[in-house]
């Protein structure tokens, strides 16, 4: 355990170096997110013939912020495996002092921290764009997202395991965009059968608290339990697929 802080610092330096080295791609990604948000907002308002001041798009604005956070949490481990495989550096990670799953966990932590900063900025913009109409508990909104995040990290680990075996599965990662949108948009609050799905209850609670709802303590317990269960399931899937990839000798192949 003493190695973890040092490796976390190393991963932070690595992430910062990559962001500086590929700054143009970072700006393009930011521009893409802004353009996508503006496009969705314009489409929703245009179809209804309403203005931003009408409040028709308030739910969309908050939902988009929650979706950005969820997408980062879900894609952390799987995207790392894809990139390392394409660069043929995955086997080098396997001989590091920490096991592969631990390195992916450290990178997932850094990804979540970056996603949290993005979420804070997005919620601030949401408050500004809605003209202060959303008078909910923003702390509860952020807490719901963070408490449910392990479910998506577990899903990301499961996808990472599939990537270890399949290698060429970029379409699967692309398909996660609409899947995460669906999970965020599901009406899982108040608690119902949809709450069993990963992140659904956390996202629905986050949107509800932004609108002023005050969930009961049982809801928070269920969000935490949902995150834990899906994180464990994702970890088990990853453990099996990594072991299978080692047995087949395809861990570093592309």
Protein backbone atom coordinates (compact mmCIF):
# COMPACT_ATOMS: atom_id res chain seq x y z
CA UNK A 1 0.00 0.00 0.00
CA UNK A 2 2.97 2.33 0.55
CA UNK A 3 3.62 2.27 -3.21
CA UNK A 4 0.20 3.60 -4.13
CA UNK A 5 0.80 7.31 -3.33
CA UNK A 6 4.05 7.31 -5.29
CA UNK A 7 2.43 5.61 -8.28
CA UNK A 8 -0.53 7.98 -8.06
CA UNK A 9 1.86 10.93 -8.25
CA UNK A 10 3.61 9.33 -11.22
CA UNK A 11 0.30 8.83 -13.00
CA UNK A 12 -0.60 12.46 -12.30
CA UNK A 13 2.67 13.60 -13.87
CA UNK A 14 2.08 11.31 -16.83
CA UNK A 15 -1.43 12.66 -17.36
CA UNK A 16 -0.23 16.26 -17.17
CA UNK A 17 2.59 15.56 -19.62
CA UNK A 18 0.18 13.97 -22.10
CA UNK A 19 -2.24 16.90 -21.82
CA UNK A 20 0.59 19.33 -22.52
CA UNK A 21 2.00 17.25 -25.34
CA UNK A 22 -1.36 16.81 -27.07
CA UNK A 23 -2.90 20.15 -26.12
CA UNK A 24 -4.55 20.55 -29.51
CA UNK A 25 -6.52 17.34 -29.09
CA UNK A 26 -7.55 18.47 -25.61
CA UNK A 27 -8.90 21.72 -27.03
CA UNK A 28 -10.71 19.82 -29.78
CA UNK A 29 -12.34 17.55 -27.20
CA UNK A 30 -13.47 20.56 -25.18
CA UNK A 31 -14.83 22.22 -28.31
CA UNK A 32 -16.67 19.04 -29.27
CA UNK A 33 -18.38 18.85 -25.89
CA UNK A 34 -19.42 22.52 -26.04
CA UNK A 35 -20.70 22.15 -29.60
CA UNK A 36 -22.66 19.01 -28.72
CA UNK A 37 -24.26 20.71 -25.73
CA UNK A 38 -25.20 23.79 -27.75
CA UNK A 39 -26.62 21.59 -30.51
CA UNK A 40 -28.79 19.59 -28.11
CA UNK A 41 -29.97 22.72 -26.36
CA UNK A 42 -30.84 24.42 -29.64
CA UNK A 43 -32.67 21.33 -30.90
CA UNK A 44 -34.81 21.01 -27.76
CA UNK A 45 -35.72 24.70 -27.71
CA UNK A 46 -36.37 24.83 -31.47
CA UNK A 47 -38.74 21.85 -31.48
CA UNK A 48 -40.82 23.34 -28.69
CA UNK A 49 -40.59 26.89 -29.96
CA UNK A 50 -39.48 28.02 -26.53
CA UNK A 51 -36.70 30.21 -25.20
CA UNK A 52 -34.06 29.42 -22.62
CA UNK A 53 -35.90 31.56 -20.08
CA UNK A 54 -38.98 29.33 -20.32
CA UNK A 55 -37.32 26.62 -18.24
CA UNK A 56 -38.11 23.87 -20.75
CA UNK A 57 -34.46 22.87 -21.05
CA UNK A 58 -33.50 23.03 -17.37
CA UNK A 59 -33.62 19.25 -17.01
CA UNK A 60 -31.52 18.79 -20.14
CA UNK A 61 -28.85 21.17 -18.87
CA UNK A 62 -28.45 19.36 -15.56
CA UNK A 63 -28.71 15.96 -17.24
CA UNK A 64 -25.93 16.85 -19.65
CA UNK A 65 -23.63 17.76 -16.75
CA UNK A 66 -24.40 14.45 -15.03
CA UNK A 67 -23.84 12.59 -18.31
CA UNK A 68 -20.39 14.12 -18.80
CA UNK A 69 -19.34 12.92 -15.38
CA UNK A 70 -20.81 9.47 -15.98
CA UNK A 71 -19.12 9.09 -19.35
CA UNK A 72 -15.71 9.85 -17.87
CA UNK A 73 -16.22 7.37 -15.04
CA UNK A 74 -17.38 4.63 -17.39
CA UNK A 75 -14.64 5.07 -19.97
CA UNK A 76 -11.65 5.39 -17.65
CA UNK A 77 -10.33 1.81 -17.55
CA UNK A 78 -11.58 0.70 -20.97
CA UNK A 79 -10.07 3.63 -22.85
CA UNK A 80 -6.76 3.16 -21.05
CA UNK A 81 -6.62 -0.48 -22.12
CA UNK A 82 -7.51 0.44 -25.69
CA UNK A 83 -4.80 3.10 -25.92
CA UNK A 84 -2.11 0.98 -24.27
CA UNK A 85 -2.96 -1.94 -26.56
CA UNK A 86 -2.79 0.18 -29.71
CA UNK A 87 0.53 1.67 -28.59
CA UNK A 88 1.81 -1.85 -27.75
CA UNK A 89 2.74 -0.78 -24.22
CA UNK A 90 0.27 -2.94 -22.33
CA UNK A 91 2.79 -5.69 -21.58
CA UNK A 92 5.17 -3.07 -20.17
CA UNK A 93 2.49 -2.07 -17.67
CA UNK A 94 2.12 -5.70 -16.66
CA UNK A 95 5.70 -5.80 -15.34
CA UNK A 96 5.23 -2.67 -13.21
CA UNK A 97 5.50 -3.00 -9.39
CA UNK A 98 1.72 -2.69 -9.17
CA UNK A 99 -0.62 -5.13 -10.93
CA UNK A 100 -2.46 -3.95 -14.03
CA UNK A 101 -5.80 -3.63 -12.27
CA UNK A 102 -4.22 -1.37 -9.64
CA UNK A 103 -2.66 0.93 -12.24
CA UNK A 104 -6.02 1.18 -13.97
CA UNK A 105 -7.60 1.99 -10.61
CA UNK A 106 -5.13 4.84 -10.02
CA UNK A 107 -5.88 6.23 -13.46
CA UNK A 108 -9.59 5.88 -12.77
CA UNK A 109 -9.16 7.96 -9.60
CA UNK A 110 -7.44 10.71 -11.57
CA UNK A 111 -10.14 10.52 -14.23
CA UNK A 112 -12.83 10.88 -11.58
CA UNK A 113 -11.07 13.90 -10.09
CA UNK A 114 -10.96 15.52 -13.52
CA UNK A 115 -14.59 14.59 -14.10
CA UNK A 116 -15.49 16.13 -10.74
CA UNK A 117 -13.91 19.43 -11.77
CA UNK A 118 -15.83 19.27 -15.05
CA UNK A 119 -19.04 18.52 -13.14
CA UNK A 120 -18.53 21.53 -10.85
CA UNK A 121 -17.97 23.82 -13.84
CA UNK A 122 -20.95 22.34 -15.70
CA UNK A 123 -23.27 22.75 -12.71
CA UNK A 124 -22.08 26.33 -12.29
CA UNK A 125 -22.93 26.99 -15.93
CA UNK A 126 -26.26 25.22 -15.45
CA UNK A 127 -27.10 27.53 -12.56
CA UNK A 128 -26.18 30.54 -14.69
CA UNK A 129 -28.05 29.37 -17.81
CA UNK A 130 -31.22 28.62 -15.86
CA UNK A 131 -31.20 32.07 -14.32
CA UNK A 132 -31.17 30.66 -10.80
CA UNK A 133 -34.42 28.75 -11.30
CA UNK A 134 -32.81 25.57 -10.01
CA UNK A 135 -32.73 26.09 -6.27
CA UNK A 136 -31.77 22.56 -5.33
CA UNK A 137 -29.00 21.30 -3.09
CA UNK A 138 -25.95 21.25 -5.36
CA UNK A 139 -23.93 19.44 -2.72
CA UNK A 140 -26.47 16.61 -2.77
CA UNK A 141 -26.33 16.57 -6.57
CA UNK A 142 -22.56 16.15 -6.54
CA UNK A 143 -22.76 13.59 -3.72
CA UNK A 144 -25.22 11.47 -5.70
CA UNK A 145 -22.91 11.44 -8.72
CA UNK A 146 -19.86 10.51 -6.65
CA UNK A 147 -21.66 7.88 -4.61
CA UNK A 148 -22.91 6.15 -7.76
CA UNK A 149 -19.61 6.47 -9.66
CA UNK A 150 -18.21 3.05 -8.57
CA UNK A 151 -20.96 1.38 -10.59
CA UNK A 152 -19.69 2.99 -13.78
CA UNK A 153 -16.07 2.32 -12.86
CA UNK A 154 -17.02 -1.34 -12.53
CA UNK A 155 -18.70 -1.20 -15.91
CA UNK A 156 -15.53 0.35 -17.31
CA UNK A 157 -13.47 -2.50 -15.84
CA UNK A 158 -15.77 -5.04 -17.49
CA UNK A 159 -15.32 -3.28 -20.84
CA UNK A 160 -11.57 -3.18 -20.26
CA UNK A 161 -11.60 -6.92 -19.78
CA UNK A 162 -13.46 -7.38 -23.04
CA UNK A 163 -10.88 -5.15 -24.73
CA UNK A 164 -8.09 -7.39 -23.43
CA UNK A 165 -9.61 -10.33 -25.29
CA UNK A 166 -11.23 -8.72 -28.32
CA UNK A 167 -8.61 -5.99 -28.96
CA UNK A 168 -10.51 -4.42 -31.88
CA UNK A 169 -13.71 -3.37 -30.14
CA UNK A 170 -13.83 0.40 -30.63
CA UNK A 171 -17.46 0.11 -31.72
CA UNK A 172 -18.29 -1.25 -28.28
CA UNK A 173 -16.78 1.83 -26.65
CA UNK A 174 -18.69 4.06 -29.05
CA UNK A 175 -21.91 2.24 -28.17
CA UNK A 176 -21.41 3.25 -24.55
CA UNK A 177 -22.30 6.86 -25.41
CA UNK A 178 -26.03 6.15 -25.92
CA UNK A 179 -25.98 3.50 -23.17
CA UNK A 180 -24.75 6.02 -20.59
CA UNK A 181 -27.26 8.57 -21.90
CA UNK A 182 -30.00 6.01 -21.28
CA UNK A 183 -28.78 5.25 -17.76
CA UNK A 184 -28.67 8.95 -16.89
CA UNK A 185 -32.12 9.63 -18.36
CA UNK A 186 -33.95 6.70 -16.74
CA UNK A 187 -36.70 7.70 -14.25
CA UNK A 188 -35.20 5.65 -11.42
CA UNK A 189 -36.22 8.13 -8.69
CA UNK A 190 -38.32 7.55 -6.61
CA UNK A 191 -36.90 4.06 -6.17
CA UNK A 192 -38.29 1.49 -8.60
CA UNK A 193 -37.12 -1.52 -10.62
CA UNK A 194 -34.96 0.71 -12.85
CA UNK A 195 -32.89 1.55 -9.78
CA UNK A 196 -31.20 -1.84 -10.10
CA UNK A 197 -29.35 -0.72 -13.23
CA UNK A 198 -25.86 0.76 -12.79
CA UNK A 199 -25.80 4.48 -11.97
CA UNK A 200 -29.51 4.92 -12.82
CA UNK A 201 -30.63 5.73 -9.28
CA UNK A 202 -27.64 7.99 -8.64
CA UNK A 203 -28.21 9.98 -11.82
CA UNK A 204 -31.95 10.28 -11.24
CA UNK A 205 -31.34 11.40 -7.65
CA UNK A 206 -28.79 13.96 -8.84
CA UNK A 207 -31.31 15.43 -11.27
CA UNK A 208 -34.02 15.40 -8.62
CA UNK A 209 -31.90 17.15 -5.99
CA UNK A 210 -30.97 19.82 -8.54
CA UNK A 211 -34.69 20.50 -8.88
CA UNK A 212 -35.18 20.74 -5.11
CA UNK A 213 -35.97 17.17 -4.02
CA UNK A 214 -34.72 15.87 -0.68
CA UNK A 215 -34.10 12.10 -0.86
CA UNK A 216 -34.54 9.94 2.21
CA UNK A 217 -31.52 8.26 3.85
CA UNK A 218 -32.61 4.92 2.38
CA UNK A 219 -32.11 6.31 -1.13
CA UNK A 220 -28.51 7.23 -0.35
CA UNK A 221 -27.91 3.77 1.07
CA UNK A 222 -29.32 2.15 -2.08
CA UNK A 223 -27.13 4.35 -4.29
CA UNK A 224 -24.04 3.28 -2.36
CA UNK A 225 -25.10 -0.38 -2.45
CA UNK A 226 -25.76 -0.19 -6.20
CA UNK A 227 -22.32 1.29 -6.79
CA UNK A 228 -20.64 -1.37 -4.66
CA UNK A 229 -22.44 -4.30 -6.30
CA UNK A 230 -21.74 -3.19 -9.86
CA UNK A 231 -18.14 -2.34 -9.00
CA UNK A 232 -17.60 -5.86 -7.64
CA UNK A 233 -19.30 -7.45 -10.65
CA UNK A 234 -17.19 -5.40 -13.04
CA UNK A 235 -14.05 -6.32 -11.13
CA UNK A 236 -14.92 -10.02 -11.32
CA UNK A 237 -15.50 -9.82 -15.07
CA UNK A 238 -12.19 -8.03 -15.51
CA UNK A 239 -10.32 -10.55 -13.36
CA UNK A 240 -11.66 -13.45 -15.42
CA UNK A 241 -10.97 -11.84 -18.79
CA UNK A 242 -7.43 -10.80 -17.81
CA UNK A 243 -6.67 -14.31 -16.59
CA UNK A 244 -8.13 -15.72 -19.81
CA UNK A 245 -6.08 -13.32 -21.95
CA UNK A 246 -2.91 -14.43 -20.15
CA UNK A 247 -3.79 -18.08 -20.71
CA UNK A 248 -4.34 -17.48 -24.43
CA UNK A 249 -1.18 -15.39 -24.69
CA UNK A 250 -2.98 -12.43 -26.28
CA UNK A 251 -2.55 -9.87 -23.52
CA UNK A 252 -0.20 -7.64 -25.51
CA UNK A 253 -1.33 -8.53 -29.03
CA UNK A 254 -3.22 -6.12 -31.27
